[in-house]
N, C-alpha and C. Protein backbone atom coordinates (compact mmCIF):
# COMPACT_ATOMS: atom_id res chain seq x y z
N MET A 1 140.39 140.10 90.70
CA MET A 1 139.40 139.05 90.74
C MET A 1 139.98 137.87 91.51
N PRO A 2 139.17 137.25 92.39
CA PRO A 2 139.66 136.11 93.17
C PRO A 2 140.00 134.92 92.27
N SER A 3 140.90 134.10 92.78
CA SER A 3 141.24 132.88 92.06
C SER A 3 141.08 131.70 92.99
N LEU A 4 141.07 130.51 92.43
CA LEU A 4 140.84 129.31 93.20
C LEU A 4 141.71 128.20 92.64
N THR A 5 142.32 127.43 93.51
CA THR A 5 143.10 126.28 93.10
C THR A 5 142.35 125.03 93.55
N VAL A 6 142.18 124.10 92.65
CA VAL A 6 141.49 122.85 92.97
C VAL A 6 142.51 121.73 92.89
N ARG A 7 142.62 120.97 93.97
CA ARG A 7 143.60 119.89 94.03
C ARG A 7 142.91 118.55 94.19
N ASN A 8 143.65 117.50 93.85
CA ASN A 8 143.20 116.13 94.08
C ASN A 8 141.88 115.79 93.38
N ILE A 9 141.73 116.26 92.16
CA ILE A 9 140.54 115.93 91.38
C ILE A 9 140.70 114.48 90.91
N PRO A 10 139.72 113.63 91.17
CA PRO A 10 139.82 112.25 90.70
C PRO A 10 139.95 112.21 89.18
N LYS A 11 140.75 111.28 88.68
CA LYS A 11 141.02 111.20 87.24
C LYS A 11 139.74 111.10 86.42
N LYS A 12 138.80 110.31 86.89
CA LYS A 12 137.55 110.11 86.16
C LYS A 12 136.80 111.44 85.99
N GLU A 13 136.69 112.20 87.07
CA GLU A 13 135.98 113.48 87.02
C GLU A 13 136.74 114.51 86.18
N TYR A 14 138.05 114.48 86.29
CA TYR A 14 138.87 115.40 85.50
C TYR A 14 138.68 115.12 84.01
N ALA A 15 138.71 113.83 83.64
CA ALA A 15 138.53 113.46 82.23
C ALA A 15 137.15 113.88 81.73
N ALA A 16 136.13 113.68 82.55
CA ALA A 16 134.77 114.07 82.15
C ALA A 16 134.67 115.58 81.99
N LEU A 17 135.28 116.32 82.90
CA LEU A 17 135.28 117.78 82.82
C LEU A 17 136.01 118.25 81.57
N ARG A 18 137.15 117.64 81.30
CA ARG A 18 137.93 117.98 80.11
C ARG A 18 137.11 117.74 78.84
N LYS A 19 136.39 116.60 78.78
CA LYS A 19 135.54 116.29 77.61
C LYS A 19 134.42 117.32 77.47
N ASP A 20 133.79 117.65 78.59
CA ASP A 20 132.71 118.65 78.55
C ASP A 20 133.23 119.99 78.03
N ALA A 21 134.42 120.37 78.48
CA ALA A 21 135.01 121.64 78.04
C ALA A 21 135.28 121.60 76.54
N GLU A 22 135.82 120.49 76.05
CA GLU A 22 136.10 120.36 74.62
C GLU A 22 134.81 120.43 73.81
N ARG A 23 133.77 119.72 74.28
CA ARG A 23 132.49 119.71 73.55
C ARG A 23 131.88 121.10 73.46
N SER A 24 132.05 121.88 74.50
CA SER A 24 131.45 123.22 74.50
C SER A 24 132.40 124.27 73.94
N GLY A 25 133.59 123.86 73.54
CA GLY A 25 134.54 124.79 72.94
C GLY A 25 135.14 125.76 73.94
N ARG A 26 135.26 125.31 75.18
CA ARG A 26 135.80 126.17 76.22
C ARG A 26 137.07 125.57 76.80
N SER A 27 137.82 126.41 77.44
CA SER A 27 138.98 125.94 78.20
C SER A 27 138.45 125.27 79.48
N LEU A 28 139.31 124.54 80.13
CA LEU A 28 138.93 123.91 81.38
C LEU A 28 138.51 124.96 82.41
N ASN A 29 139.24 126.04 82.49
CA ASN A 29 138.90 127.13 83.40
C ASN A 29 137.53 127.73 83.07
N SER A 30 137.29 128.00 81.79
CA SER A 30 136.00 128.56 81.38
C SER A 30 134.85 127.60 81.67
N GLU A 31 135.10 126.32 81.50
CA GLU A 31 134.07 125.32 81.79
C GLU A 31 133.73 125.32 83.28
N LEU A 32 134.74 125.37 84.11
CA LEU A 32 134.50 125.43 85.56
C LEU A 32 133.74 126.70 85.95
N LEU A 33 134.11 127.82 85.35
CA LEU A 33 133.39 129.07 85.64
C LEU A 33 131.93 128.97 85.20
N ALA A 34 131.68 128.33 84.06
CA ALA A 34 130.31 128.16 83.59
C ALA A 34 129.51 127.28 84.55
N ILE A 35 130.13 126.22 85.05
CA ILE A 35 129.47 125.34 86.01
C ILE A 35 129.15 126.09 87.30
N ILE A 36 130.10 126.86 87.79
CA ILE A 36 129.88 127.63 89.02
C ILE A 36 128.75 128.64 88.81
N HIS A 37 128.76 129.31 87.69
CA HIS A 37 127.71 130.30 87.40
C HIS A 37 126.34 129.61 87.32
N GLU A 38 126.26 128.51 86.61
CA GLU A 38 124.99 127.79 86.46
C GLU A 38 124.47 127.34 87.82
N ARG A 39 125.36 126.82 88.64
CA ARG A 39 124.95 126.36 89.97
C ARG A 39 124.47 127.52 90.83
N SER A 40 125.19 128.62 90.82
CA SER A 40 124.78 129.75 91.65
C SER A 40 123.45 130.32 91.15
N GLU A 41 123.25 130.35 89.84
CA GLU A 41 121.99 130.83 89.27
C GLU A 41 120.84 129.90 89.67
N THR A 42 121.08 128.60 89.63
CA THR A 42 120.06 127.63 90.04
C THR A 42 119.69 127.83 91.49
N HIS A 43 120.69 128.02 92.36
CA HIS A 43 120.41 128.24 93.77
C HIS A 43 119.66 129.55 93.98
N ARG A 44 120.01 130.58 93.24
CA ARG A 44 119.30 131.86 93.38
C ARG A 44 117.83 131.69 93.00
N ARG A 45 117.58 131.01 91.90
CA ARG A 45 116.19 130.77 91.47
C ARG A 45 115.43 129.92 92.47
N ARG A 46 116.11 128.90 93.01
CA ARG A 46 115.46 128.03 93.98
C ARG A 46 115.09 128.81 95.24
N ARG A 47 115.98 129.67 95.72
CA ARG A 47 115.68 130.48 96.89
C ARG A 47 114.51 131.42 96.62
N ALA A 48 114.48 132.03 95.44
CA ALA A 48 113.38 132.92 95.08
C ALA A 48 112.07 132.14 95.01
N ALA A 49 112.10 130.95 94.46
CA ALA A 49 110.89 130.12 94.38
C ALA A 49 110.40 129.73 95.78
N MET A 50 111.32 129.39 96.66
CA MET A 50 110.93 129.02 98.02
C MET A 50 110.33 130.22 98.76
N ARG A 51 110.88 131.42 98.53
CA ARG A 51 110.30 132.61 99.14
C ARG A 51 108.87 132.82 98.63
N ARG A 52 108.67 132.62 97.33
CA ARG A 52 107.34 132.80 96.73
C ARG A 52 106.37 131.75 97.27
N ILE A 53 106.82 130.53 97.43
CA ILE A 53 105.97 129.47 97.99
C ILE A 53 105.55 129.84 99.40
N ASP A 54 106.49 130.34 100.19
CA ASP A 54 106.16 130.76 101.56
C ASP A 54 105.13 131.90 101.55
N GLU A 55 105.30 132.85 100.62
CA GLU A 55 104.33 133.95 100.51
C GLU A 55 102.95 133.42 100.17
N LEU A 56 102.88 132.47 99.23
CA LEU A 56 101.59 131.91 98.84
C LEU A 56 100.96 131.13 99.98
N ARG A 57 101.76 130.41 100.74
CA ARG A 57 101.23 129.68 101.89
C ARG A 57 100.62 130.65 102.90
N GLU A 58 101.31 131.76 103.14
CA GLU A 58 100.79 132.76 104.07
C GLU A 58 99.50 133.37 103.54
N GLU A 59 99.45 133.64 102.25
CA GLU A 59 98.25 134.21 101.64
C GLU A 59 97.07 133.25 101.76
N ILE A 60 97.32 131.99 101.50
CA ILE A 60 96.26 130.98 101.61
C ILE A 60 95.77 130.90 103.05
N ALA A 61 96.71 130.91 103.99
CA ALA A 61 96.33 130.85 105.41
C ALA A 61 95.47 132.04 105.81
N ARG A 62 95.78 133.23 105.26
CA ARG A 62 94.97 134.42 105.56
C ARG A 62 93.60 134.34 104.91
N ARG A 63 93.55 133.85 103.68
CA ARG A 63 92.28 133.81 102.94
C ARG A 63 91.36 132.70 103.43
N PHE A 64 91.94 131.63 103.93
CA PHE A 64 91.16 130.49 104.39
C PHE A 64 91.57 130.14 105.82
N PRO A 65 91.23 130.99 106.78
CA PRO A 65 91.72 130.79 108.14
C PRO A 65 91.19 129.53 108.82
N ASN A 66 90.05 129.02 108.38
CA ASN A 66 89.49 127.82 109.01
C ASN A 66 90.03 126.52 108.44
N GLN A 67 90.80 126.64 107.37
CA GLN A 67 91.36 125.45 106.74
C GLN A 67 92.69 125.11 107.39
N THR A 68 92.87 123.86 107.70
CA THR A 68 94.11 123.48 108.39
C THR A 68 95.11 122.78 107.47
N SER A 69 94.64 122.33 106.32
CA SER A 69 95.58 121.62 105.44
C SER A 69 95.08 121.66 104.01
N SER A 70 95.93 121.23 103.11
CA SER A 70 95.53 121.14 101.71
C SER A 70 94.43 120.11 101.53
N VAL A 71 94.41 119.10 102.38
CA VAL A 71 93.35 118.08 102.33
C VAL A 71 92.00 118.74 102.54
N ASP A 72 91.93 119.65 103.51
CA ASP A 72 90.69 120.37 103.77
C ASP A 72 90.27 121.21 102.56
N LEU A 73 91.24 121.88 101.94
CA LEU A 73 90.94 122.69 100.76
C LEU A 73 90.42 121.83 99.62
N ILE A 74 91.05 120.70 99.40
CA ILE A 74 90.61 119.80 98.33
C ILE A 74 89.22 119.27 98.63
N ARG A 75 88.98 118.89 99.87
CA ARG A 75 87.66 118.37 100.27
C ARG A 75 86.60 119.45 100.06
N GLU A 76 86.89 120.68 100.48
CA GLU A 76 85.94 121.77 100.32
C GLU A 76 85.65 122.02 98.84
N ASP A 77 86.69 122.00 98.01
CA ASP A 77 86.49 122.20 96.58
C ASP A 77 85.64 121.09 95.99
N ARG A 78 85.93 119.85 96.37
CA ARG A 78 85.20 118.71 95.85
C ARG A 78 83.72 118.77 96.30
N ASP A 79 83.48 119.12 97.54
CA ASP A 79 82.13 119.16 98.07
C ASP A 79 81.31 120.30 97.49
N SER A 80 81.97 121.33 97.01
CA SER A 80 81.25 122.47 96.45
C SER A 80 80.76 122.22 95.03
N ARG A 81 81.15 121.12 94.44
CA ARG A 81 80.72 120.82 93.05
C ARG A 81 79.41 120.13 93.00
């Protein structure tokens, strides 16, 4: 398994990280691994959400080819009432 050395951590950040590790009952190493995992999971979810948003935009463009913007869609919805 790969390893990583982190140098020159500012004292303030190191102290905060140490406190977070103690509060969660983890070692400093385990706390860092948890942070890395959480961040990578957040990025994975964000990328998946952005892909889905792009898919929905394409679907809307196909279903409403004459609409050029969300303003037009809102106006059309409002006028249809």
